[in-house]
Amino acid sequence: MVSNRSRSDIRRIAVLAPMPSELKPLRGPLGLRSSREKEPGILRGEVGGIEITASLTGIGMSSGAAAAQRIIEATSPDHLIVVGIAGGIGQSVAIGDVIVPDLVLNLDSGLTFVPAGIGDRAPQGTLASSGSLLESPEDAQRLADRGVIAIDMETAAIAEVCEQRGCSWSVFRAISDRADDGSTDAAILGLADASGNPNLAAVFRFVLTKPQRIAQLVRLARGANTATRNAAGAVASAIEFQAGAVRTRSNKP
């Protein structure tokens, strides 16, 4: 576990999001712009004296780990933030709620990781990560019994890289859909490519034989839009809070 840095020591922050839709709402608040040619795929910005770098991971544990490795090597951040959406588990969370967990569990390996705090949100609950979708309500209940309130497909892998590289990290995920009601369809994963961009041909095939799936996609899209907006807002607020801590220390005699 990486020990938490004093907030005033965090002056370079890297932000990772799996899909373009999860990073887009942060472009304005963080002033993100395309980086130099020698840093393909990395955006740079600045908030109140905090240097920001940002990049996409793509979907999945291996993609998340590789992206974390790349951005840490390229930018040497003091802190790394994971932002995006997650599936909700249990009655304590609803669509749009922002999750700042106090523990991250890798369901594939059994390893656990403790995020370092940034911002003023109190951490609560366990976020689980897995390389596959959770489809069984019974499996979801077993996770809920362990304190799991949300599940995603990248955070634990990113956390492990950060721990290995000595980089403090945190995670802000917002609930976009339910992972515990049996409505999860494994075919949903095929509706986006490995980079998280929509696969329009796959979407067409998804609804062609079962038009009732259109309602499912509309519901998922609404939930995702709300969740990406809320998660991005929480990250922007945390970074602004951090910038305030840096200014306070800088102004001390």
Protein backbone atom coordinates (compact mmCIF):
# COMPACT_ATOMS: atom_id res chain seq x y z
CA MET A 1 0.00 0.00 0.00
CA VAL A 2 1.30 3.44 -0.97
CA SER A 3 1.23 5.88 1.93
CA ASN A 4 -0.93 8.93 1.39
CA ARG A 5 0.94 12.11 0.54
CA SER A 6 0.23 15.39 2.23
CA ARG A 7 -2.25 17.19 -0.01
CA SER A 8 0.16 20.07 -0.44
CA ASP A 9 2.73 17.68 -1.93
CA ILE A 10 0.45 16.70 -4.83
CA ARG A 11 1.17 19.09 -7.69
CA ARG A 12 1.09 16.76 -10.71
CA ILE A 13 -2.03 14.66 -11.23
CA ALA A 14 -2.69 12.04 -13.92
CA VAL A 15 -6.27 11.16 -14.81
CA LEU A 16 -7.28 7.89 -16.48
CA ALA A 17 -10.70 7.09 -17.95
CA PRO A 18 -11.64 3.90 -19.81
CA MET A 19 -13.84 5.45 -22.52
CA PRO A 20 -13.90 8.76 -24.42
CA SER A 21 -17.35 9.53 -23.01
CA GLU A 22 -15.92 9.33 -19.48
CA LEU A 23 -13.05 11.73 -20.18
CA LYS A 24 -14.92 14.23 -22.37
CA PRO A 25 -16.73 16.03 -19.49
CA LEU A 26 -13.34 16.83 -17.92
CA ARG A 27 -11.84 18.54 -20.95
CA GLY A 28 -13.33 21.93 -20.12
CA PRO A 29 -12.97 21.94 -16.31
CA LEU A 30 -9.37 20.73 -16.44
CA GLY A 31 -8.38 22.72 -19.54
CA LEU A 32 -7.27 19.54 -21.31
CA ARG A 33 -5.60 19.94 -24.67
CA SER A 34 -3.67 17.63 -26.98
CA SER A 35 -0.13 17.13 -25.81
CA ARG A 36 3.15 17.21 -27.70
CA GLU A 37 3.73 14.74 -30.53
CA LYS A 38 6.14 12.74 -28.35
CA GLU A 39 3.23 12.04 -25.97
CA PRO A 40 0.57 10.48 -28.23
CA GLY A 41 -2.75 9.99 -26.54
CA ILE A 42 -1.92 12.22 -23.57
CA LEU A 43 -3.82 15.42 -22.87
CA ARG A 44 -2.44 18.19 -20.69
CA GLY A 45 -4.15 20.85 -18.61
CA GLU A 46 -3.78 22.96 -15.48
CA VAL A 47 -5.99 23.85 -12.53
CA GLY A 48 -4.83 26.41 -9.98
CA GLY A 49 -1.19 25.51 -10.30
CA ILE A 50 -1.82 21.75 -10.48
CA GLU A 51 -0.39 20.16 -13.63
CA ILE A 52 -2.86 17.70 -15.17
CA THR A 53 -2.22 14.91 -17.63
CA ALA A 54 -5.00 12.66 -18.87
CA SER A 55 -5.43 9.63 -21.10
CA LEU A 56 -7.78 6.83 -22.02
CA THR A 57 -7.24 3.26 -20.90
CA GLY A 58 -9.67 1.35 -23.07
CA ILE A 59 -11.90 -1.33 -21.55
CA GLY A 60 -10.63 -4.15 -19.35
CA MET A 61 -8.05 -5.01 -16.74
CA SER A 62 -5.06 -5.49 -19.04
CA SER A 63 -5.82 -2.25 -20.89
CA GLY A 64 -6.10 -0.39 -17.60
CA ALA A 65 -2.79 -1.72 -16.32
CA ALA A 66 -0.98 -0.88 -19.57
CA ALA A 67 -2.36 2.67 -19.62
CA ALA A 68 -1.32 3.26 -16.01
CA GLN A 69 2.18 2.08 -16.80
CA ARG A 70 2.39 4.38 -19.82
CA ILE A 71 1.19 7.56 -18.14
CA ILE A 72 3.29 7.06 -15.02
CA GLU A 73 6.41 6.52 -17.11
CA ALA A 74 5.63 9.47 -19.38
CA THR A 75 4.56 12.08 -16.82
CA SER A 76 5.78 11.02 -13.33
CA PRO A 77 2.60 12.12 -11.53
CA ASP A 78 2.41 12.65 -7.77
CA HIS A 79 -1.08 11.18 -7.81
CA LEU A 80 -3.28 9.26 -10.26
CA ILE A 81 -7.07 9.47 -10.42
CA VAL A 82 -9.30 6.86 -12.06
CA VAL A 83 -12.62 8.26 -13.28
CA GLY A 84 -15.59 6.60 -14.96
CA ILE A 85 -18.79 4.63 -14.54
CA ALA A 86 -19.60 1.47 -12.60
CA GLY A 87 -22.42 -0.97 -12.00
CA GLY A 88 -24.22 -0.55 -8.70
CA ILE A 89 -24.65 -3.29 -6.10
CA GLY A 90 -27.00 -3.07 -3.14
CA GLN A 91 -29.55 -0.58 -1.92
CA SER A 92 -27.05 2.02 -0.68
CA VAL A 93 -26.34 3.30 -4.21
CA ALA A 94 -28.54 4.64 -6.99
CA ILE A 95 -28.03 5.66 -10.62
CA GLY A 96 -25.83 8.75 -10.71
CA ASP A 97 -24.30 8.32 -7.26
CA VAL A 98 -20.55 8.97 -7.11
CA ILE A 99 -18.53 6.23 -5.43
CA VAL A 100 -15.29 7.05 -3.62
CA PRO A 101 -14.40 3.65 -2.13
CA ASP A 102 -12.22 2.97 0.87
CA LEU A 103 -11.18 -0.39 -0.61
CA VAL A 104 -10.75 -1.81 -4.12
CA LEU A 105 -11.00 -5.58 -4.65
CA ASN A 106 -9.64 -7.49 -7.63
CA LEU A 107 -12.14 -10.31 -8.10
CA ASP A 108 -9.80 -12.13 -10.48
CA SER A 109 -6.79 -12.29 -8.13
CA GLY A 110 -8.32 -11.66 -4.72
CA LEU A 111 -5.90 -8.78 -4.06
CA THR A 112 -7.15 -5.65 -2.30
CA PHE A 113 -5.93 -2.05 -2.54
CA VAL A 114 -6.55 1.04 -0.39
CA PRO A 115 -6.96 4.34 -2.28
CA ALA A 116 -5.24 7.50 -1.06
CA GLY A 117 -7.65 10.33 -0.35
CA ILE A 118 -7.84 13.49 -2.41
CA GLY A 119 -10.55 16.12 -2.19
CA ASP A 120 -13.08 16.41 0.61
CA ARG A 121 -15.31 13.39 -0.04
CA ALA A 122 -15.29 10.76 2.69
CA PRO A 123 -14.46 7.31 1.24
CA GLN A 124 -17.00 4.57 1.81
CA GLY A 125 -17.61 1.00 0.62
CA THR A 126 -15.74 -1.45 -1.55
CA LEU A 127 -15.37 -1.20 -5.32
CA ALA A 128 -14.77 -4.54 -7.05
CA SER A 129 -13.05 -4.97 -10.42
CA SER A 130 -13.28 -7.93 -12.76
CA GLY A 131 -12.39 -8.85 -16.30
CA SER A 132 -15.95 -10.08 -16.91
CA LEU A 133 -19.46 -8.78 -16.38
CA LEU A 134 -21.40 -9.76 -13.29
CA GLU A 135 -24.54 -11.54 -14.57
CA SER A 136 -25.89 -13.49 -11.58
CA PRO A 137 -27.96 -11.79 -8.85
CA GLU A 138 -26.69 -14.47 -6.47
CA ASP A 139 -23.08 -13.52 -7.18
CA ALA A 140 -23.98 -9.88 -6.70
CA GLN A 141 -25.54 -10.65 -3.34
CA ARG A 142 -22.39 -12.44 -2.21
CA LEU A 143 -20.40 -9.36 -3.12
CA ALA A 144 -22.86 -7.12 -1.32
CA ASP A 145 -22.41 -9.26 1.78
CA ARG A 146 -18.71 -8.38 1.61
CA GLY A 147 -19.41 -4.66 1.49
CA VAL A 148 -19.12 -4.26 -2.29
CA ILE A 149 -21.27 -1.39 -3.56
CA ALA A 150 -20.07 -1.15 -7.18
CA ILE A 151 -18.14 -3.06 -9.84
CA ASP A 152 -16.01 -2.01 -12.81
CA MET A 153 -13.46 -3.55 -15.17
CA GLU A 154 -10.24 -1.53 -14.72
CA THR A 155 -9.61 0.09 -11.33
CA ALA A 156 -7.95 -2.80 -9.45
CA ALA A 157 -5.49 -3.38 -12.29
CA ILE A 158 -4.60 0.33 -12.37
CA ALA A 159 -4.26 0.34 -8.58
CA GLU A 160 -1.81 -2.55 -8.68
CA VAL A 161 0.43 -0.73 -11.15
CA CYS A 162 0.32 2.43 -9.03
CA GLU A 163 1.26 0.45 -5.92
CA GLN A 164 4.18 -1.16 -7.74
CA ARG A 165 5.40 2.21 -9.02
CA GLY A 166 4.97 4.04 -5.70
CA CYS A 167 2.34 6.44 -7.07
CA SER A 168 -0.57 7.38 -4.80
CA TRP A 169 -3.97 6.96 -6.42
CA SER A 170 -7.69 7.41 -5.92
CA VAL A 171 -10.87 6.56 -7.79
CA PHE A 172 -14.13 8.34 -8.57
CA ARG A 173 -16.78 6.15 -10.20
CA ALA A 174 -20.46 6.95 -10.67
CA ILE A 175 -23.26 4.40 -10.94
CA SER A 176 -24.57 4.10 -14.50
CA ASP A 177 -26.63 0.91 -14.19
CA ARG A 178 -27.45 -1.97 -11.85
CA ALA A 179 -25.12 -4.97 -11.68
CA ASP A 180 -27.30 -6.86 -9.19
CA ASP A 181 -30.74 -7.24 -10.74
CA GLY A 182 -30.08 -9.85 -13.43
CA SER A 183 -30.61 -7.41 -16.28
CA THR A 184 -26.96 -7.31 -17.33
CA ASP A 185 -26.51 -8.69 -20.83
CA ALA A 186 -23.04 -10.00 -21.73
CA ALA A 187 -23.66 -8.85 -25.30
CA ILE A 188 -23.47 -5.25 -24.07
CA LEU A 189 -19.67 -5.53 -24.00
CA GLY A 190 -19.64 -6.09 -27.74
CA LEU A 191 -21.34 -2.76 -28.41
CA ALA A 192 -18.04 -0.91 -27.98
CA ASP A 193 -14.59 -1.62 -29.33
CA ALA A 194 -11.54 -2.11 -27.12
CA SER A 195 -11.05 1.68 -26.96
CA GLY A 196 -14.58 2.27 -25.71
CA ASN A 197 -15.90 3.79 -28.94
CA PRO A 198 -19.36 2.67 -30.12
CA ASN A 199 -19.47 -0.24 -32.56
CA LEU A 200 -22.47 0.79 -34.65
CA ALA A 201 -22.64 -2.48 -36.56
CA ALA A 202 -22.77 -4.38 -33.27
CA VAL A 203 -25.50 -2.06 -31.96
CA PHE A 204 -27.57 -2.73 -35.08
CA ARG A 205 -27.19 -6.50 -34.66
CA PHE A 206 -27.99 -6.20 -30.96
CA VAL A 207 -31.45 -4.74 -31.61
CA LEU A 208 -32.23 -6.34 -34.98
CA THR A 209 -33.63 -9.61 -33.66
CA LYS A 210 -34.94 -8.19 -30.38
CA PRO A 211 -36.36 -4.68 -30.86
CA GLN A 212 -37.26 -4.54 -27.16
CA ARG A 213 -33.55 -4.10 -26.50
CA ILE A 214 -33.90 -0.52 -27.78
CA ALA A 215 -35.51 0.45 -24.49
CA GLN A 216 -32.65 -1.21 -22.64
CA LEU A 217 -30.09 0.77 -24.63
CA VAL A 218 -31.95 4.04 -24.04
CA ARG A 219 -32.00 3.35 -20.30
CA LEU A 220 -28.30 2.48 -20.28
CA ALA A 221 -27.45 5.61 -22.27
CA ARG A 222 -29.36 7.87 -19.88
CA GLY A 223 -27.69 6.28 -16.88
CA ALA A 224 -24.26 6.52 -18.47
CA ASN A 225 -24.74 10.20 -19.37
CA THR A 226 -25.73 11.04 -15.81
CA ALA A 227 -22.92 8.98 -14.32
CA THR A 228 -20.14 10.33 -16.55
CA ARG A 229 -21.21 13.89 -15.81
CA ASN A 230 -21.35 13.31 -12.05
CA ALA A 231 -18.04 11.43 -11.89
CA ALA A 232 -16.29 14.17 -13.87
CA GLY A 233 -17.76 16.83 -11.63
CA ALA A 234 -16.49 15.03 -8.55
CA VAL A 235 -12.98 14.76 -10.00
CA ALA A 236 -12.93 18.44 -10.99
CA SER A 237 -14.03 19.41 -7.47
CA ALA A 238 -11.36 17.20 -5.88
CA ILE A 239 -8.63 18.74 -8.03
CA GLU A 240 -9.87 22.26 -7.25
CA PHE A 241 -9.80 21.34 -3.55
CA GLN A 242 -6.22 20.12 -3.99
CA ALA A 243 -5.27 23.34 -5.78
CA GLY A 244 -6.62 25.27 -2.80
CA ALA A 245 -4.41 23.23 -0.47
CA VAL A 246 -1.37 24.02 -2.60
CA ARG A 247 -2.18 27.75 -2.65
CA THR A 248 -2.66 27.79 1.11
CA ARG A 249 0.75 26.25 1.70
CA SER A 250 2.40 28.55 -0.85
CA ASN A 251 0.96 31.64 0.88
CA LYS A 252 2.25 30.68 4.32
CA PRO A 253 5.22 32.75 5.46
